[in-house]
Amino acid sequence: MSVSLSVVVLLAIVVFVLLRNGALRVLPALATAGLGFFLASTGAAAPINAAAGGLAALLAQISL
């Protein structure tokens, strides 16, 4: 749970910075958020969560 919350916060910061700099427009950002929302309710959510957890574990081992 803490990994997914950290990823959400990090991605929210990235999107906010991109919107403020004008590198990302509002409608594409909303479309991407909608895609992520609906993707989370499909069968692809479990493999994506597993891959993110594996990447987090790999990064944790590298930093030690």
PDB file of N, CA and C in Angstrom:
ATOM      1  N   MET A   1       0.815  -1.197   0.000  1.00  0.00           N
ATOM      2  CA  MET A   1       0.000   0.000   0.000  1.00  0.00           C
ATOM      3  C   MET A   1       0.856   1.258   0.000  1.00  0.00           C
ATOM      4  N   SER A   2       1.938   1.260   0.778  1.00  0.00           N
ATOM      5  CA  SER A   2       2.771   2.458   0.844  1.00  0.00           C
ATOM      6  C   SER A   2       3.481   2.721  -0.474  1.00  0.00           C
ATOM      7  N   VAL A   3       3.813   1.654  -1.207  1.00  0.00           N
ATOM      8  CA  VAL A   3       4.472   1.841  -2.501  1.00  0.00           C
ATOM      9  C   VAL A   3       3.507   2.483  -3.477  1.00  0.00           C
ATOM     10  N   SER A   4       2.275   2.003  -3.535  1.00  0.00           N
ATOM     11  CA  SER A   4       1.335   2.574  -4.494  1.00  0.00           C
ATOM     12  C   SER A   4       0.988   4.014  -4.133  1.00  0.00           C
ATOM     13  N   LEU A   5       0.894   4.321  -2.834  1.00  0.00           N
ATOM     14  CA  LEU A   5       0.621   5.690  -2.424  1.00  0.00           C
ATOM     15  C   LEU A   5       1.783   6.598  -2.799  1.00  0.00           C
ATOM     16  N   SER A   6       3.003   6.135  -2.620  1.00  0.00           N
ATOM     17  CA  SER A   6       4.175   6.922  -3.000  1.00  0.00           C
ATOM     18  C   SER A   6       4.215   7.165  -4.498  1.00  0.00           C
ATOM     19  N   VAL A   7       3.871   6.169  -5.277  1.00  0.00           N
ATOM     20  CA  VAL A   7       3.859   6.311  -6.733  1.00  0.00           C
ATOM     21  C   VAL A   7       2.785   7.302  -7.148  1.00  0.00           C
ATOM     22  N   VAL A   8       1.628   7.238  -6.509  1.00  0.00           N
ATOM     23  CA  VAL A   8       0.550   8.173  -6.837  1.00  0.00           C
ATOM     24  C   VAL A   8       0.970   9.606  -6.532  1.00  0.00           C
ATOM     25  N   VAL A   9       1.591   9.809  -5.392  1.00  0.00           N
ATOM     26  CA  VAL A   9       2.040  11.157  -5.026  1.00  0.00           C
ATOM     27  C   VAL A   9       3.107  11.644  -5.996  1.00  0.00           C
ATOM     28  N   LEU A  10       4.055  10.791  -6.326  1.00  0.00           N
ATOM     29  CA  LEU A  10       5.114  11.161  -7.269  1.00  0.00           C
ATOM     30  C   LEU A  10       4.538  11.509  -8.637  1.00  0.00           C
ATOM     31  N   LEU A  11       3.631  10.684  -9.145  1.00  0.00           N
ATOM     32  CA  LEU A  11       3.035  10.958 -10.449  1.00  0.00           C
ATOM     33  C   LEU A  11       2.166  12.206 -10.420  1.00  0.00           C
ATOM     34  N   ALA A  12       1.491  12.458  -9.315  1.00  0.00           N
ATOM     35  CA  ALA A  12       0.689  13.682  -9.201  1.00  0.00           C
ATOM     36  C   ALA A  12       1.583  14.920  -9.251  1.00  0.00           C
ATOM     37  N   ILE A  13       2.739  14.844  -8.611  1.00  0.00           N
ATOM     38  CA  ILE A  13       3.682  15.965  -8.651  1.00  0.00           C
ATOM     39  C   ILE A  13       4.202  16.176 -10.063  1.00  0.00           C
ATOM     40  N   VAL A  14       4.533  15.092 -10.753  1.00  0.00           N
ATOM     41  CA  VAL A  14       5.023  15.196 -12.134  1.00  0.00           C
ATOM     42  C   VAL A  14       3.966  15.815 -13.030  1.00  0.00           C
ATOM     43  N   VAL A  15       2.719  15.363 -12.915  1.00  0.00           N
ATOM     44  CA  VAL A  15       1.641  15.912 -13.737  1.00  0.00           C
ATOM     45  C   VAL A  15       1.421  17.390 -13.413  1.00  0.00           C
ATOM     46  N   PHE A  16       1.456  17.747 -12.137  1.00  0.00           N
ATOM     47  CA  PHE A  16       1.282  19.147 -11.745  1.00  0.00           C
ATOM     48  C   PHE A  16       2.373  20.028 -12.357  1.00  0.00           C
ATOM     49  N   VAL A  17       3.611  19.578 -12.290  1.00  0.00           N
ATOM     50  CA  VAL A  17       4.721  20.355 -12.857  1.00  0.00           C
ATOM     51  C   VAL A  17       4.570  20.469 -14.375  1.00  0.00           C
ATOM     52  N   LEU A  18       4.192  19.387 -15.032  1.00  0.00           N
ATOM     53  CA  LEU A  18       4.006  19.436 -16.482  1.00  0.00           C
ATOM     54  C   LEU A  18       2.867  20.367 -16.875  1.00  0.00           C
ATOM     55  N   LEU A  19       1.794  20.369 -16.100  1.00  0.00           N
ATOM     56  CA  LEU A  19       0.689  21.280 -16.381  1.00  0.00           C
ATOM     57  C   LEU A  19       1.108  22.735 -16.168  1.00  0.00           C
ATOM     58  N   ARG A  20       1.859  23.000 -15.120  1.00  0.00           N
ATOM     59  CA  ARG A  20       2.296  24.370 -14.833  1.00  0.00           C
ATOM     60  C   ARG A  20       3.266  24.885 -15.898  1.00  0.00           C
ATOM     61  N   ASN A  21       4.126  24.011 -16.420  1.00  0.00           N
ATOM     62  CA  ASN A  21       5.105  24.418 -17.432  1.00  0.00           C
ATOM     63  C   ASN A  21       4.505  24.509 -18.824  1.00  0.00           C
ATOM     64  N   GLY A  22       3.297  24.040 -19.011  1.00  0.00           N
ATOM     65  CA  GLY A  22       2.672  24.072 -20.322  1.00  0.00           C
ATOM     66  C   GLY A  22       3.084  22.911 -21.205  1.00  0.00           C
ATOM     67  N   ALA A  23       3.826  21.957 -20.667  1.00  0.00           N
ATOM     68  CA  ALA A  23       4.250  20.797 -21.449  1.00  0.00           C
ATOM     69  C   ALA A  23       3.126  19.779 -21.594  1.00  0.00           C
ATOM     70  N   LEU A  24       2.107  19.914 -20.764  1.00  0.00           N
ATOM     71  CA  LEU A  24       0.970  18.997 -20.803  1.00  0.00           C
ATOM     72  C   LEU A  24      -0.302  19.826 -20.736  1.00  0.00           C
ATOM     73  N   ARG A  25      -1.210  19.561 -21.647  1.00  0.00           N
ATOM     74  CA  ARG A  25      -2.479  20.282 -21.664  1.00  0.00           C
ATOM     75  C   ARG A  25      -3.486  19.564 -20.775  1.00  0.00           C
ATOM     76  N   VAL A  26      -4.552  20.256 -20.436  1.00  0.00           N
ATOM     77  CA  VAL A  26      -5.536  19.741 -19.490  1.00  0.00           C
ATOM     78  C   VAL A  26      -6.293  18.540 -20.059  1.00  0.00           C
ATOM     79  N   LEU A  27      -6.769  18.620 -21.291  1.00  0.00           N
ATOM     80  CA  LEU A  27      -7.551  17.511 -21.852  1.00  0.00           C
ATOM     81  C   LEU A  27      -6.746  16.215 -21.991  1.00  0.00           C
ATOM     82  N   PRO A  28      -5.503  16.240 -22.510  1.00  0.00           N
ATOM     83  CA  PRO A  28      -4.729  14.996 -22.510  1.00  0.00           C
ATOM     84  C   PRO A  28      -4.458  14.459 -21.110  1.00  0.00           C
ATOM     85  N   ALA A  29      -4.272  15.353 -20.137  1.00  0.00           N
ATOM     86  CA  ALA A  29      -4.063  14.904 -18.755  1.00  0.00           C
ATOM     87  C   ALA A  29      -5.313  14.214 -18.220  1.00  0.00           C
ATOM     88  N   LEU A  30      -6.479  14.774 -18.504  1.00  0.00           N
ATOM     89  CA  LEU A  30      -7.732  14.149 -18.073  1.00  0.00           C
ATOM     90  C   LEU A  30      -7.962  12.810 -18.766  1.00  0.00           C
ATOM     91  N   ALA A  31      -7.622  12.733 -20.047  1.00  0.00           N
ATOM     92  CA  ALA A  31      -7.773  11.473 -20.773  1.00  0.00           C
ATOM     93  C   ALA A  31      -6.844  10.405 -20.201  1.00  0.00           C
ATOM     94  N   THR A  32      -5.629  10.789 -19.861  1.00  0.00           N
ATOM     95  CA  THR A  32      -4.681   9.844 -19.281  1.00  0.00           C
ATOM     96  C   THR A  32      -5.134   9.386 -17.897  1.00  0.00           C
ATOM     97  N   ALA A  33      -5.656  10.312 -17.108  1.00  0.00           N
ATOM     98  CA  ALA A  33      -6.170   9.948 -15.778  1.00  0.00           C
ATOM     99  C   ALA A  33      -7.357   9.004 -15.907  1.00  0.00           C
ATOM    100  N   GLY A  34      -8.226   9.259 -16.864  1.00  0.00           N
ATOM    101  CA  GLY A  34      -9.363   8.373 -17.096  1.00  0.00           C
ATOM    102  C   GLY A  34      -8.923   6.986 -17.524  1.00  0.00           C
ATOM    103  N   LEU A  35      -7.924   6.934 -18.391  1.00  0.00           N
ATOM    104  CA  LEU A  35      -7.394   5.640 -18.813  1.00  0.00           C
ATOM    105  C   LEU A  35      -6.843   4.872 -17.620  1.00  0.00           C
ATOM    106  N   GLY A  36      -6.083   5.539 -16.780  1.00  0.00           N
ATOM    107  CA  GLY A  36      -5.531   4.880 -15.596  1.00  0.00           C
ATOM    108  C   GLY A  36      -6.621   4.402 -14.650  1.00  0.00           C
ATOM    109  N   PHE A  37      -7.653   5.214 -14.483  1.00  0.00           N
ATOM    110  CA  PHE A  37      -8.761   4.849 -13.607  1.00  0.00           C
ATOM    111  C   PHE A  37      -9.467   3.595 -14.112  1.00  0.00           C
ATOM    112  N   PHE A  38      -9.773   3.560 -15.395  1.00  0.00           N
ATOM    113  CA  PHE A  38     -10.475   2.400 -15.944  1.00  0.00           C
ATOM    114  C   PHE A  38      -9.558   1.191 -16.095  1.00  0.00           C
ATOM    115  N   LEU A  39      -8.278   1.409 -16.335  1.00  0.00           N
ATOM    116  CA  LEU A  39      -7.316   0.313 -16.412  1.00  0.00           C
ATOM    117  C   LEU A  39      -7.195  -0.387 -15.072  1.00  0.00           C
ATOM    118  N   ALA A  40      -7.329   0.371 -13.984  1.00  0.00           N
ATOM    119  CA  ALA A  40      -7.218  -0.208 -12.645  1.00  0.00           C
ATOM    120  C   ALA A  40      -8.345  -1.184 -12.345  1.00  0.00           C
ATOM    121  N   SER A  41      -9.453  -1.092 -13.058  1.00  0.00           N
ATOM    122  CA  SER A  41     -10.570  -1.996 -12.807  1.00  0.00           C
ATOM    123  C   SER A  41     -10.587  -3.184 -13.759  1.00  0.00           C
ATOM    124  N   THR A  42      -9.550  -3.357 -14.565  1.00  0.00           N
ATOM    125  CA  THR A  42      -9.469  -4.483 -15.488  1.00  0.00           C
ATOM    126  C   THR A  42      -8.551  -5.563 -14.932  1.00  0.00           C
ATOM    127  N   GLY A  43      -8.397  -6.611 -15.682  1.00  0.00           N
ATOM    128  CA  GLY A  43      -7.507  -7.692 -15.293  1.00  0.00           C
ATOM    129  C   GLY A  43      -6.042  -7.325 -15.387  1.00  0.00           C
ATOM    130  N   ALA A  44      -5.726  -6.207 -16.020  1.00  0.00           N
ATOM    131  CA  ALA A  44      -4.335  -5.782 -16.150  1.00  0.00           C
ATOM    132  C   ALA A  44      -3.803  -5.135 -14.880  1.00  0.00           C
ATOM    133  N   ALA A  45      -4.678  -4.846 -13.932  1.00  0.00           N
ATOM    134  CA  ALA A  45      -4.247  -4.155 -12.713  1.00  0.00           C
ATOM    135  C   ALA A  45      -3.291  -5.004 -11.877  1.00  0.00           C
ATOM    136  N   ALA A  46      -3.571  -6.284 -11.741  1.00  0.00           N
ATOM    137  CA  ALA A  46      -2.724  -7.147 -10.916  1.00  0.00           C
ATOM    138  C   ALA A  46      -1.295  -7.266 -11.468  1.00  0.00           C
ATOM    139  N   PRO A  47      -1.104  -7.523 -12.773  1.00  0.00           N
ATOM    140  CA  PRO A  47       0.274  -7.563 -13.279  1.00  0.00           C
ATOM    141  C   PRO A  47       1.006  -6.225 -13.187  1.00  0.00           C
ATOM    142  N   ILE A  48       0.281  -5.125 -13.363  1.00  0.00           N
ATOM    143  CA  ILE A  48       0.904  -3.808 -13.255  1.00  0.00           C
ATOM    144  C   ILE A  48       1.350  -3.563 -11.819  1.00  0.00           C
ATOM    145  N   ASN A  49       0.500  -3.915 -10.851  1.00  0.00           N
ATOM    146  CA  ASN A  49       0.871  -3.767  -9.444  1.00  0.00           C
ATOM    147  C   ASN A  49       2.046  -4.667  -9.084  1.00  0.00           C
ATOM    148  N   ALA A  50       2.069  -5.879  -9.621  1.00  0.00           N
ATOM    149  CA  ALA A  50       3.177  -6.795  -9.357  1.00  0.00           C
ATOM    150  C   ALA A  50       4.482  -6.258  -9.948  1.00  0.00           C
ATOM    151  N   ALA A  51       4.407  -5.698 -11.145  1.00  0.00           N
ATOM    152  CA  ALA A  51       5.600  -5.132 -11.776  1.00  0.00           C
ATOM    153  C   ALA A  51       6.100  -3.924 -11.003  1.00  0.00           C
ATOM    154  N   ALA A  52       5.199  -3.069 -10.538  1.00  0.00           N
ATOM    155  CA  ALA A  52       5.601  -1.903  -9.755  1.00  0.00           C
ATOM    156  C   ALA A  52       6.215  -2.327  -8.425  1.00  0.00           C
ATOM    157  N   GLY A  53       5.647  -3.355  -7.798  1.00  0.00           N
ATOM    158  CA  GLY A  53       6.215  -3.866  -6.548  1.00  0.00           C
ATOM    159  C   GLY A  53       7.587  -4.479  -6.762  1.00  0.00           C
ATOM    160  N   GLY A  54       7.742  -5.208  -7.853  1.00  0.00           N
ATOM    161  CA  GLY A  54       9.045  -5.789  -8.181  1.00  0.00           C
ATOM    162  C   GLY A  54      10.090  -4.726  -8.459  1.00  0.00           C
ATOM    163  N   LEU A  55       9.691  -3.677  -9.159  1.00  0.00           N
ATOM    164  CA  LEU A  55      10.617  -2.579  -9.439  1.00  0.00           C
ATOM    165  C   LEU A  55      11.012  -1.871  -8.148  1.00  0.00           C
ATOM    166  N   ALA A  56      10.046  -1.663  -7.263  1.00  0.00           N
ATOM    167  CA  ALA A  56      10.352  -1.031  -5.974  1.00  0.00           C
ATOM    168  C   ALA A  56      11.304  -1.893  -5.150  1.00  0.00           C
ATOM    169  N   ALA A  57      11.091  -3.200  -5.164  1.00  0.00           N
ATOM    170  CA  ALA A  57      11.982  -4.101  -4.429  1.00  0.00           C
ATOM    171  C   ALA A  57      13.384  -4.089  -5.030  1.00  0.00           C
ATOM    172  N   LEU A  58      13.454  -4.057  -6.348  1.00  0.00           N
ATOM    173  CA  LEU A  58      14.755  -3.993  -7.025  1.00  0.00           C
ATOM    174  C   LEU A  58      15.485  -2.706  -6.679  1.00  0.00           C
ATOM    175  N   LEU A  59      14.798  -1.588  -6.698  1.00  0.00           N
ATOM    176  CA  LEU A  59      15.419  -0.312  -6.361  1.00  0.00           C
ATOM    177  C   LEU A  59      15.860  -0.281  -4.900  1.00  0.00           C
ATOM    178  N   ALA A  60      15.094  -0.918  -4.024  1.00  0.00           N
ATOM    179  CA  ALA A  60      15.469  -0.976  -2.611  1.00  0.00           C
ATOM    180  C   ALA A  60      16.745  -1.785  -2.409  1.00  0.00           C
ATOM    181  N   GLN A  61      16.913  -2.864  -3.180  1.00  0.00           N
ATOM    182  CA  GLN A  61      18.125  -3.676  -3.066  1.00  0.00           C
ATOM    183  C   GLN A  61      19.334  -2.961  -3.646  1.00  0.00           C
ATOM    184  N   ILE A  62      19.133  -2.206  -4.697  1.00  0.00           N
ATOM    185  CA  ILE A  62      20.250  -1.498  -5.331  1.00  0.00           C
ATOM    186  C   ILE A  62      20.782  -0.408  -4.421  1.00  0.00           C
ATOM    187  N   SER A  63      19.898   0.304  -3.723  1.00  0.00           N
ATOM    188  CA  SER A  63      20.336   1.416  -2.906  1.00  0.00           C
ATOM    189  C   SER A  63      21.057   0.988  -1.648  1.00  0.00           C
ATOM    190  N   LEU A  64      20.980  -0.269  -1.260  1.00  0.00           N
ATOM    191  CA  LEU A  64      21.673  -0.741  -0.067  1.00  0.00           C
ATOM    192  C   LEU A  64      23.084  -0.981  -0.373  1.00  0.00           C
TER     193      LEU A  64
END
